[in-house]
Amino acid sequence: MIQHQHWEDSIRILVTDEQHHGSIQVFIPHRTEDKPLDGAADALIYSLWVDEAHRGHEVAKHLIETVERELKRCGIANVAISWDGRDSPLWVLHWYERLGYEEKALGHQCSTLLKRL
């Protein structure tokens, strides 16, 4: 299911895979000054989740590919995704990189990555 939510300050896109118990959420700000990475990204993937029983079966990859297609359809050129080492293991950061995301902002145990769609 793909759902567009129209908020006062943004559009939020929610993609859910109910069969495999996964979801991904994206924030698309209306105002230029709210764009991630000082305006380098038009949207931000801020939540990606797959139930433990369904991990390792490319559910997350499918969710990311689905939301990237939806973002392209909406005219989005660049998307950012954040990785936080306090919540996610290092292999997740490397997985994002294999999907074409490049590190642009580094912090203590966190990183923001960017991909041109």
Protein backbone atom coordinates (compact mmCIF):
# COMPACT_ATOMS: atom_id res chain seq x y z
CA MET A 1 0.00 0.00 0.00
CA ILE A 2 1.22 3.49 -0.84
CA GLN A 3 -0.30 6.36 1.08
CA HIS A 4 0.29 10.10 0.57
CA GLN A 5 -0.38 12.22 3.63
CA HIS A 6 -0.69 15.96 3.11
CA TRP A 7 0.48 17.85 6.19
CA GLU A 8 0.68 21.62 6.62
CA ASP A 9 4.47 21.70 6.20
CA SER A 10 5.08 18.61 4.08
CA ILE A 11 3.93 15.56 2.23
CA ARG A 12 4.61 12.23 3.90
CA ILE A 13 4.65 9.01 1.91
CA LEU A 14 4.06 5.72 3.68
CA VAL A 15 4.68 2.42 1.91
CA THR A 16 3.64 -0.73 3.73
CA ASP A 17 4.11 -4.39 2.91
CA GLU A 18 1.50 -6.00 5.11
CA GLN A 19 2.33 -9.52 3.94
CA HIS A 20 5.96 -9.22 5.06
CA HIS A 21 5.33 -6.80 7.94
CA GLY A 22 7.48 -3.92 6.70
CA SER A 23 7.13 -0.20 6.13
CA ILE A 24 9.04 2.85 4.97
CA GLN A 25 8.22 6.52 5.48
CA VAL A 26 9.40 9.61 3.62
CA PHE A 27 9.22 13.33 4.44
CA ILE A 28 8.97 15.82 1.55
CA PRO A 29 9.09 19.37 2.91
CA HIS A 30 7.18 22.18 1.22
CA ARG A 31 9.70 24.87 2.23
CA THR A 32 13.18 24.97 0.72
CA GLU A 33 14.75 25.80 4.09
CA ASP A 34 13.38 22.52 5.51
CA LYS A 35 15.04 20.31 2.88
CA PRO A 36 17.56 17.81 4.28
CA LEU A 37 21.33 18.27 3.91
CA ASP A 38 21.06 22.05 3.63
CA GLY A 39 18.81 21.74 0.59
CA ALA A 40 20.81 19.06 -1.25
CA ALA A 41 17.98 16.55 -0.79
CA ASP A 42 14.36 17.03 -1.78
CA ALA A 43 13.12 14.30 0.57
CA LEU A 44 14.19 12.25 3.58
CA ILE A 45 13.57 8.58 4.27
CA TYR A 46 13.12 8.68 8.02
CA SER A 47 11.80 5.25 8.88
CA LEU A 48 12.46 1.80 7.45
CA TRP A 49 11.29 -1.21 9.39
CA VAL A 50 10.88 -4.94 8.70
CA ASP A 51 9.67 -7.47 11.22
CA GLU A 52 12.50 -9.72 12.41
CA ALA A 53 10.78 -12.86 11.08
CA HIS A 54 10.90 -11.41 7.53
CA ARG A 55 14.42 -9.95 7.52
CA GLY A 56 16.98 -11.36 5.10
CA HIS A 57 14.41 -11.82 2.32
CA GLU A 58 14.95 -8.46 0.52
CA VAL A 59 11.78 -6.93 1.97
CA ALA A 60 13.65 -3.73 2.92
CA LYS A 61 15.24 -3.52 -0.53
CA HIS A 62 11.81 -3.87 -2.13
CA LEU A 63 10.41 -1.13 0.14
CA ILE A 64 13.27 1.26 -0.71
CA GLU A 65 12.92 0.57 -4.45
CA THR A 66 9.15 1.12 -4.23
CA VAL A 67 9.47 4.43 -2.40
CA GLU A 68 12.24 5.60 -4.77
CA ARG A 69 9.93 4.92 -7.77
CA GLU A 70 7.14 6.83 -6.02
CA LEU A 71 9.47 9.76 -5.30
CA LYS A 72 10.54 9.88 -8.96
CA ARG A 73 6.88 9.88 -9.97
CA CYS A 74 6.40 12.90 -7.68
CA GLY A 75 9.31 14.74 -9.33
CA ILE A 76 11.82 14.24 -6.53
CA ALA A 77 15.42 14.27 -7.80
CA ASN A 78 17.46 13.59 -4.62
CA VAL A 79 16.62 11.65 -1.47
CA ALA A 80 18.50 11.42 1.82
CA ILE A 81 18.50 8.67 4.40
CA SER A 82 19.91 8.79 7.90
CA TRP A 83 21.81 6.06 9.69
CA ASP A 84 22.23 6.10 13.46
CA GLY A 85 24.78 3.69 14.91
CA ARG A 86 22.99 3.74 18.26
CA ASP A 87 19.97 2.08 16.65
CA SER A 88 21.41 0.23 13.64
CA PRO A 89 24.49 -1.92 13.13
CA LEU A 90 27.28 -0.77 10.81
CA TRP A 91 26.27 -3.26 8.10
CA VAL A 92 23.08 -1.21 7.56
CA LEU A 93 25.20 1.83 6.61
CA HIS A 94 27.17 -0.30 4.14
CA TRP A 95 23.92 -1.74 2.77
CA TYR A 96 22.64 1.78 2.06
CA GLU A 97 25.89 2.48 0.22
CA ARG A 98 25.44 -0.66 -1.91
CA LEU A 99 22.00 0.67 -2.86
CA GLY A 100 23.64 3.82 -4.24
CA TYR A 101 23.50 6.18 -1.26
CA GLU A 102 26.63 8.26 -0.59
CA GLU A 103 27.68 9.64 2.80
CA LYS A 104 27.36 13.43 2.87
CA ALA A 105 27.17 14.36 6.55
CA LEU A 106 28.99 12.55 9.32
CA GLY A 107 28.49 12.82 13.03
CA HIS A 108 29.34 10.81 16.10
CA GLN A 109 27.85 7.37 15.36
CA CYS A 110 25.54 8.76 12.68
CA SER A 111 25.56 9.61 9.02
CA THR A 112 23.25 11.14 6.41
CA LEU A 113 23.49 9.70 2.94
CA LEU A 114 22.24 11.04 -0.39
CA LYS A 115 21.11 9.41 -3.62
CA ARG A 116 20.23 10.96 -6.95
CA LEU A 117 17.14 9.27 -8.32
